[in-house]
Protein backbone atom coordinates (compact mmCIF):
# COMPACT_ATOMS: atom_id res chain seq x y z
CA MET A 1 213.38 -14.05 -72.66
CA ASP A 2 209.86 -14.61 -71.48
CA ASP A 3 206.83 -12.38 -73.32
CA SER A 4 206.95 -9.83 -70.57
CA GLU A 5 210.87 -9.16 -71.02
CA GLN A 6 210.64 -9.22 -74.61
CA PHE A 7 207.93 -6.61 -74.70
CA SER A 8 210.28 -4.52 -72.24
CA VAL A 9 213.08 -4.52 -74.49
CA LEU A 10 210.90 -3.89 -77.43
CA ILE A 11 209.41 -0.70 -76.15
CA GLY A 12 212.55 0.23 -74.99
CA ASN A 13 214.06 0.08 -78.83
CA ILE A 14 210.91 1.68 -80.57
CA TYR A 15 211.75 4.90 -78.63
CA ASP A 16 215.61 4.80 -78.59
CA ALA A 17 215.02 4.41 -82.44
CA VAL A 18 213.16 8.18 -82.54
CA LEU A 19 216.78 9.50 -81.79
CA ASP A 20 218.93 6.90 -84.33
CA PRO A 21 217.24 6.11 -87.46
CA ASP A 22 219.83 3.15 -88.05
CA HIS A 23 217.67 1.45 -85.33
CA ARG A 24 214.65 1.42 -86.91
CA ILE A 25 214.97 -1.12 -89.54
CA ALA A 26 215.84 -3.74 -87.04
CA VAL A 27 213.14 -2.24 -84.23
CA LEU A 28 210.38 -2.92 -87.61
CA ASP A 29 212.01 -6.70 -87.38
CA ARG A 30 211.65 -6.90 -83.68
CA ILE A 31 207.85 -5.80 -83.82
CA ALA A 32 207.17 -8.46 -86.26
CA ASP A 33 209.14 -11.06 -84.29
CA PHE A 34 207.21 -10.44 -81.26
CA ALA A 35 203.65 -10.02 -82.83
CA GLY A 36 204.36 -13.14 -84.53
CA GLY A 37 204.38 -12.06 -88.26
CA HIS A 38 207.43 -12.46 -90.77
CA SER A 39 208.42 -8.73 -91.85
CA GLY A 40 206.94 -5.23 -90.70
CA GLY A 41 206.80 -2.07 -92.39
CA LEU A 42 206.19 1.68 -91.41
CA LEU A 43 204.20 3.25 -94.80
CA SER A 44 203.34 6.63 -94.97
CA LYS A 45 200.39 7.76 -97.71
CA HIS A 46 200.09 11.05 -98.73
CA ALA A 47 197.48 12.86 -101.43
CA VAL A 48 198.84 14.31 -104.24
CA GLY A 49 197.26 17.50 -105.90
CA ASP A 50 197.62 19.83 -109.11
CA SER A 51 197.99 23.32 -109.03
CA LEU A 52 194.58 23.75 -108.21
CA GLY A 53 194.52 21.99 -105.08
CA ASN A 54 192.48 18.88 -106.48
CA THR A 55 193.27 15.43 -105.42
CA LEU A 56 194.57 13.39 -107.59
CA GLU A 57 196.07 9.90 -106.27
CA ASN A 58 197.48 8.42 -103.29
CA ALA A 59 201.72 8.57 -103.28
CA ASP A 60 203.22 5.74 -100.83
CA LEU A 61 206.44 7.12 -99.36
CA LEU A 62 207.78 3.85 -97.89
CA TYR A 63 209.21 4.75 -94.47
CA CYS A 64 211.08 1.62 -93.53
CA TYR A 65 210.29 -1.86 -94.67
CA ILE A 66 211.74 -5.25 -93.62
CA GLY A 67 212.30 -7.53 -96.88
CA HIS A 68 214.34 -10.40 -97.33
CA ASP A 69 217.13 -8.10 -98.81
CA PRO A 70 217.98 -4.69 -99.93
CA GLU A 71 216.62 -5.50 -103.47
CA SER A 72 213.37 -6.88 -102.17
CA LEU A 73 213.30 -3.31 -100.49
CA ARG A 74 213.63 -1.42 -103.56
CA ALA A 75 211.25 -3.76 -105.50
CA TYR A 76 208.78 -3.27 -102.73
CA SER A 77 208.94 0.73 -102.91
CA GLU A 78 208.74 0.56 -106.77
CA SER A 79 205.72 -1.82 -107.08
CA TYR A 80 203.81 -0.93 -103.83
CA PRO A 81 202.04 2.54 -105.18
CA LYS A 82 200.98 0.65 -108.46
CA LEU A 83 199.18 -2.39 -107.03
CA VAL A 84 195.68 -1.76 -104.79
CA SER A 85 196.60 -3.49 -101.50
CA ALA A 86 193.84 -5.09 -99.37
CA ALA A 87 195.98 -4.35 -96.13
CA ASP A 88 195.30 -0.73 -96.57
CA PRO A 89 192.76 0.46 -93.56
CA LEU A 90 192.33 3.81 -94.12
CA SER A 91 188.38 3.53 -93.34
CA VAL A 92 188.91 2.40 -90.01
CA GLY A 93 189.98 4.11 -86.59
CA VAL A 94 193.72 4.97 -85.64
CA GLU A 95 195.50 2.03 -83.53
CA GLN A 96 192.61 -0.23 -84.70
CA ILE A 97 194.21 -3.50 -85.26
CA VAL A 98 192.66 -5.00 -88.79
CA SER A 99 193.65 -8.30 -90.96
CA THR A 100 193.31 -8.71 -94.68
CA THR A 101 189.48 -10.72 -93.90
CA ASP A 102 188.21 -7.46 -91.95
CA LEU A 103 188.58 -5.62 -94.86
CA MET A 104 187.47 -7.99 -97.96
CA SER A 105 186.91 -11.51 -98.20
CA TYR A 106 189.89 -13.49 -98.43
CA GLU A 107 189.21 -14.96 -101.70
CA GLU A 108 188.92 -11.54 -103.39
CA PHE A 109 192.23 -10.69 -101.29
CA ARG A 110 194.20 -13.74 -103.18
CA ARG A 111 192.41 -12.57 -106.75
CA GLY A 112 193.79 -8.56 -106.28
CA ARG A 113 197.22 -7.61 -107.58
CA PHE A 114 198.40 -7.02 -104.65
CA TYR A 115 198.47 -10.87 -103.62
CA ARG A 116 199.17 -12.22 -106.93
CA GLU A 117 202.47 -9.72 -107.91
CA TRP A 118 203.74 -9.12 -104.21
CA ALA A 119 202.54 -11.05 -101.03
CA ARG A 120 202.36 -14.84 -103.09
CA PRO A 121 205.82 -14.52 -104.49
CA HIS A 122 206.95 -13.87 -101.03
CA GLY A 123 205.25 -16.33 -98.84
CA TRP A 124 202.91 -13.61 -97.33
CA ILE A 125 199.00 -15.25 -97.02
CA ASP A 126 197.75 -12.27 -94.53
CA ILE A 127 198.50 -8.88 -93.12
CA ALA A 128 197.90 -7.30 -89.66
CA SER A 129 197.94 -3.37 -89.85
CA ALA A 130 197.29 -0.38 -87.81
CA VAL A 131 196.65 3.43 -88.71
CA ILE A 132 199.22 5.33 -86.43
CA GLU A 133 198.15 8.27 -87.79
CA LYS A 134 195.80 10.05 -90.20
CA SER A 135 194.78 13.44 -91.42
CA ALA A 136 192.60 14.75 -94.29
CA ASN A 137 195.39 14.20 -96.87
CA SER A 138 197.91 11.74 -95.32
CA CYS A 139 198.20 8.31 -93.22
CA THR A 140 200.65 6.54 -91.73
CA VAL A 141 200.15 2.49 -91.49
CA LEU A 142 202.15 -0.05 -89.36
CA SER A 143 201.66 -3.78 -90.95
CA VAL A 144 203.28 -6.86 -89.89
CA ALA A 145 203.07 -10.25 -92.74
CA ARG A 146 201.83 -13.10 -91.81
CA ARG A 147 203.71 -16.17 -93.75
CA GLU A 148 201.86 -19.45 -94.36
CA GLY A 149 203.54 -21.78 -91.96
CA SER A 150 201.82 -19.55 -89.23
CA GLY A 151 198.17 -18.87 -90.50
CA LEU A 152 196.39 -16.23 -90.79
CA VAL A 153 195.77 -13.21 -88.21
CA ASP A 154 194.58 -14.82 -85.27
CA ALA A 155 193.55 -13.41 -81.84
CA ASP A 156 197.13 -13.56 -80.11
CA MET A 157 198.67 -11.79 -82.86
CA ARG A 158 196.03 -9.03 -82.37
CA ARG A 159 196.53 -8.71 -79.03
CA ARG A 160 200.52 -8.35 -79.35
CA MET A 161 200.21 -5.98 -82.07
CA ALA A 162 197.59 -3.85 -79.74
CA LEU A 163 200.26 -3.66 -77.09
CA VAL A 164 202.91 -2.37 -79.44
CA VAL A 165 200.76 0.08 -81.36
CA PRO A 166 200.32 2.92 -78.82
CA HIS A 167 204.09 3.38 -78.55
CA VAL A 168 205.24 3.31 -82.34
CA ARG A 169 202.31 5.92 -82.68
CA ARG A 170 203.82 7.97 -79.97
CA ALA A 171 207.19 7.68 -81.34
CA VAL A 172 206.35 8.79 -84.65
CA LEU A 173 204.23 11.94 -83.53
CA ILE A 174 207.80 12.27 -80.94
CA GLY A 175 210.06 11.94 -83.99
CA ARG A 176 208.06 14.11 -85.96
CA THR A 177 208.38 17.06 -83.37
CA ILE A 178 211.91 16.08 -83.25
CA HIS A 179 211.91 16.44 -86.91
CA ARG A 180 210.36 19.89 -86.89
CA LYS A 181 212.89 21.52 -84.34
CA GLU A 182 215.69 20.11 -85.81
CA ALA A 183 214.32 21.88 -89.21
CA GLU A 184 214.28 24.97 -87.10
CA ALA A 185 217.39 24.88 -85.40
CA THR A 186 219.16 23.92 -88.67
CA CYS A 187 217.76 26.70 -90.40
CA LEU A 188 218.44 28.99 -87.77
CA THR A 189 222.13 27.99 -87.34
CA GLY A 190 222.59 28.48 -91.44
CA ILE A 191 220.80 32.11 -91.11
CA LEU A 192 223.38 32.83 -87.70
CA ASP A 193 226.82 31.42 -89.99
CA GLY A 194 225.58 33.78 -92.46
CA LEU A 195 226.10 36.71 -90.79
CA SER A 196 229.18 38.69 -91.11
CA ALA A 197 229.04 39.28 -87.16
CA GLY A 198 230.59 36.88 -84.84
CA MET A 199 227.52 35.47 -82.19
CA ILE A 200 228.34 33.77 -79.30
CA LEU A 201 225.95 32.64 -76.73
CA VAL A 202 226.91 32.75 -73.20
CA ASP A 203 225.80 31.27 -70.08
CA ALA A 204 225.76 33.28 -66.33
CA ASP A 205 228.89 31.87 -65.31
CA GLY A 206 231.02 33.10 -68.96
CA ARG A 207 231.06 29.80 -70.55
CA ILE A 208 230.83 29.54 -74.34
CA VAL A 209 227.14 27.62 -75.12
CA HIS A 210 227.12 28.13 -79.05
CA SER A 211 228.82 30.25 -81.35
CA ASN A 212 228.50 30.82 -85.04
CA THR A 213 230.64 30.76 -88.04
CA ALA A 214 232.49 34.36 -87.65
CA GLY A 215 232.11 33.81 -83.79
CA ASN A 216 234.75 30.84 -83.97
CA THR A 217 236.74 32.62 -86.46
CA ILE A 218 236.91 35.56 -83.74
CA LEU A 219 237.86 32.77 -80.61
CA ALA A 220 240.28 30.79 -82.74
CA ALA A 221 242.34 34.24 -83.32
CA ALA A 222 242.48 34.16 -79.10
CA ASP A 223 243.27 38.09 -79.30
CA PHE A 224 240.24 40.27 -77.24
CA LEU A 225 238.23 37.19 -77.38
CA ARG A 226 238.97 33.74 -76.51
CA ARG A 227 237.88 30.26 -75.40
CA THR A 228 239.77 28.98 -71.90
CA SER A 229 240.70 25.79 -71.61
CA CYS A 230 237.31 25.57 -69.04
CA GLY A 231 234.64 27.02 -71.83
CA ARG A 232 234.89 30.45 -70.58
CA LEU A 233 234.90 33.36 -72.65
CA ALA A 234 238.00 35.65 -71.46
CA GLY A 235 239.81 38.98 -72.45
CA ASP A 236 241.90 40.61 -71.13
CA ALA A 237 241.16 41.98 -67.12
CA PRO A 238 238.84 45.30 -67.98
CA VAL A 239 236.99 43.09 -70.47
CA ASN A 240 236.26 40.22 -68.14
CA ALA A 241 235.24 42.67 -65.61
CA ALA A 242 232.73 44.21 -67.81
CA LEU A 243 231.28 40.71 -69.45
CA ARG A 244 231.08 39.44 -65.71
CA GLU A 245 228.97 42.42 -64.89
CA LEU A 246 226.76 41.92 -68.22
CA LEU A 247 226.21 38.73 -67.37
CA VAL A 248 225.22 39.32 -63.90
CA ALA A 249 222.97 41.94 -65.44
CA ALA A 250 221.50 39.62 -68.17
CA GLY A 251 220.44 37.45 -66.02
CA ALA A 252 217.63 39.84 -64.41
CA GLY A 253 216.46 40.48 -67.64
CA ASP A 254 215.47 43.24 -70.07
CA SER A 255 214.80 45.58 -66.47
CA ALA A 256 218.70 45.16 -65.65
CA LEU A 257 220.18 45.55 -69.06
CA GLY A 258 218.24 46.87 -71.64
CA ILE A 259 215.97 45.16 -74.10
CA LYS A 260 218.68 46.08 -77.00
CA GLY A 261 221.70 45.22 -74.74
CA ILE A 262 224.78 47.25 -73.85
CA ALA A 263 227.53 48.05 -76.27
CA LEU A 264 231.44 46.65 -75.05
CA PRO A 265 233.85 48.38 -76.72
CA LEU A 266 236.89 46.03 -77.53
CA THR A 267 240.53 46.30 -79.01
CA ASP A 268 242.48 43.80 -80.92
CA ARG A 269 246.55 43.34 -81.12
CA HIS A 270 246.85 45.51 -83.67
CA GLY A 271 244.84 48.23 -82.35
CA GLU A 272 241.72 48.00 -84.65
CA ARG A 273 238.59 48.84 -82.81
CA HIS A 274 235.78 46.45 -82.29
CA VAL A 275 232.50 46.48 -80.67
CA ALA A 276 230.25 43.58 -78.89
CA HIS A 277 226.63 44.55 -78.60
CA VAL A 278 225.33 41.97 -75.43
CA LEU A 279 222.09 40.83 -75.85
CA PRO A 280 219.72 39.37 -72.84
CA LEU A 281 218.44 35.94 -73.32
CA THR A 282 215.99 35.69 -70.43
CA SER A 283 213.06 37.84 -71.35
CA GLY A 284 210.04 38.08 -73.39
CA ALA A 285 210.47 35.55 -77.03
CA ARG A 286 214.38 35.32 -76.47
CA ARG A 287 213.75 33.09 -73.62
CA ASP A 288 213.28 30.02 -75.74
CA ALA A 289 216.19 30.67 -77.42
CA GLY A 290 218.45 31.14 -74.17
CA ARG A 291 216.67 28.07 -72.65
CA ALA A 292 217.60 26.01 -75.37
CA TYR A 293 221.15 26.40 -75.49
CA ASN A 294 221.21 27.48 -71.37
CA ALA A 295 222.57 30.86 -72.54
CA VAL A 296 221.87 34.18 -70.45
CA ALA A 297 223.17 36.31 -73.33
CA ALA A 298 224.45 36.61 -76.77
CA LEU A 299 227.05 38.44 -77.74
CA PHE A 300 227.37 40.26 -81.04
CA VAL A 301 230.79 41.14 -82.35
CA ARG A 302 232.28 42.91 -85.04
CA LYS A 303 235.04 45.50 -86.26
CA ALA A 304 233.92 48.87 -85.38
CA ALA A 305 234.08 50.36 -88.87
CA ILE A 306 231.85 50.88 -92.15
CA GLU A 307 232.84 47.89 -94.38
CA ALA A 308 232.63 48.29 -98.20
CA CYS A 309 228.81 48.48 -99.16
CA PRO A 310 228.09 45.81 -102.04
CA SER A 311 224.72 47.55 -102.15
CA SER A 312 226.67 50.48 -103.98
CA ALA A 313 224.81 50.03 -107.04
CA ILE A 314 221.54 49.62 -105.07
CA ILE A 315 222.17 53.05 -103.76
CA GLY A 316 223.14 54.42 -107.09
CA GLU A 317 219.77 53.50 -108.58
CA ILE A 318 217.32 54.45 -105.53
CA TYR A 319 218.78 58.15 -105.65
CA LYS A 320 219.46 58.21 -109.46
CA LEU A 321 223.45 59.03 -108.95
CA THR A 322 225.63 59.29 -111.81
CA PRO A 323 228.51 57.05 -111.65
CA THR A 324 231.17 59.99 -110.90
CA GLU A 325 228.69 60.93 -107.80
CA LEU A 326 228.44 57.26 -106.64
CA ARG A 327 232.26 57.06 -106.81
CA VAL A 328 232.56 60.35 -104.52
CA LEU A 329 230.15 59.36 -102.02
CA LEU A 330 231.64 56.05 -101.28
CA ALA A 331 234.97 57.96 -101.11
CA ILE A 332 233.32 60.24 -98.52
CA VAL A 333 232.61 56.97 -96.59
CA HIS A 334 235.69 55.54 -97.04
CA VAL A 335 238.48 58.24 -97.02
CA GLY A 336 237.22 60.87 -95.50
CA GLY A 337 236.50 65.06 -96.02
CA VAL A 338 237.04 66.85 -99.25
CA PRO A 339 240.64 67.46 -99.46
CA GLU A 340 241.41 63.99 -98.66
CA VAL A 341 238.52 63.03 -101.48
CA ALA A 342 240.07 65.04 -103.86
CA ALA A 343 243.42 63.66 -103.67
CA SER A 344 242.32 60.04 -103.57
CA LEU A 345 240.35 60.89 -107.05
CA GLY A 346 242.88 62.91 -108.45
CA VAL A 347 240.27 66.36 -108.67
CA ALA A 348 240.02 69.31 -107.44
CA ALA A 349 238.58 70.28 -104.68
CA THR A 350 235.76 72.59 -106.26
CA THR A 351 235.08 69.19 -108.19
CA VAL A 352 234.27 67.32 -105.24
CA LYS A 353 232.44 69.98 -103.76
CA THR A 354 229.77 70.49 -106.89
CA HIS A 355 229.37 66.83 -106.78
CA LEU A 356 228.88 66.99 -102.82
CA ALA A 357 225.93 69.55 -103.53
CA ARG A 358 224.12 67.32 -105.96
CA LEU A 359 224.79 63.86 -103.56
CA PHE A 360 223.42 66.41 -100.34
CA GLU A 361 220.57 67.51 -102.96
CA LYS A 362 219.46 64.27 -104.59
CA THR A 363 219.75 62.24 -100.96
CA GLY A 364 217.88 64.86 -98.73
CA VAL A 365 220.71 65.25 -96.65
CA GLY A 366 222.66 68.17 -95.28
CA ARG A 367 225.84 66.85 -93.51
CA GLN A 368 228.94 64.45 -94.44
CA ALA A 369 227.69 62.62 -91.85
CA ASP A 370 224.80 61.77 -92.49
CA LEU A 371 225.64 60.59 -96.09
CA VAL A 372 227.87 57.95 -94.23
CA LYS A 373 225.11 57.22 -92.02
CA LEU A 374 222.79 56.54 -95.29
CA VAL A 375 225.65 54.43 -96.65
CA ALA A 376 225.73 52.46 -93.84
CA GLY A 377 222.16 51.93 -93.51
CA PHE A 378 222.54 49.66 -96.83
CA ALA A 379 225.62 47.44 -95.25
CA THR A 380 224.72 43.71 -95.67
CA PRO A 381 224.70 41.88 -92.26
CA LEU A 382 225.52 38.91 -94.03
CA ALA A 383 229.18 37.58 -94.26
CA SER A 384 230.70 37.99 -97.89
């Protein structure tokens, strides 16, 4: 393979390594080989500060490094922060290729601890480096070491490094952007998976493009909603017709469907009721989320009932309720009216009415239905 072919393949490898971290060490090895060096490293330096924001020292975080063996990698990562490397071009421009002699005299380099404790034991006589990116408190450097048999860094090595460095710089920046987006996506996925409501993203044809944990549970039950063999969301005929209508409207944005979406009633095989709130993803800030998944709408599905409120202690504390008053309040929510609550708690209806009057006074509402709404407002949207 001639130089042009080798360079072309190397550039492809550099960008491939952005998506596949397992290839990054091999790519550094190929960069070193193309440049005429022995081993390559990508080192990131970050300033470490105290609690007052004062910079204390530089901490070296080794991204990748080609040594003689895994033990060499470990030793380098432990030793390098303690040594003063001459090949540390923090004072030069981004993408500028420098060698040891550009930073200090070669004799000074040979007297330094870095040369004596690391470079010489590994047979290195020179290092070509380039700043890939730097800011006020960080710097990322690509370095290729030169061994004795190859001589000091020469013009040909500088030329070859100059060809590679811009691509490494772009790859690092692309990788950082991807990592940030992946972190955001992971965070968002974790939040959505923690919801008690099922969330199902669908495209304009009704195909499921993503669902959270609760959504997967609903689909796996294959009841009122299910995943078909072609990946579409399906229910019974009336539900399918309603969904198709809503998805067409969602494609037209908020003006057609409404900014808060539409509620679609559903009933499972046991006769229990559920509701799916359909939210369009084709307008406003939601457009980016929809574009990321090729989705036009999000369905939030949950049982149409007030679940046991895990925040009952908070309700009692806020409204200064006694334990008995709190028990009556929750019974009204989950059991029903005064006669049913009295029978459930084993007390007289007059006793329940007395507690109910106190509940109205303390909460500031005047109807049992308003008490139900009050408790529902404290219900957590998170899965237990």
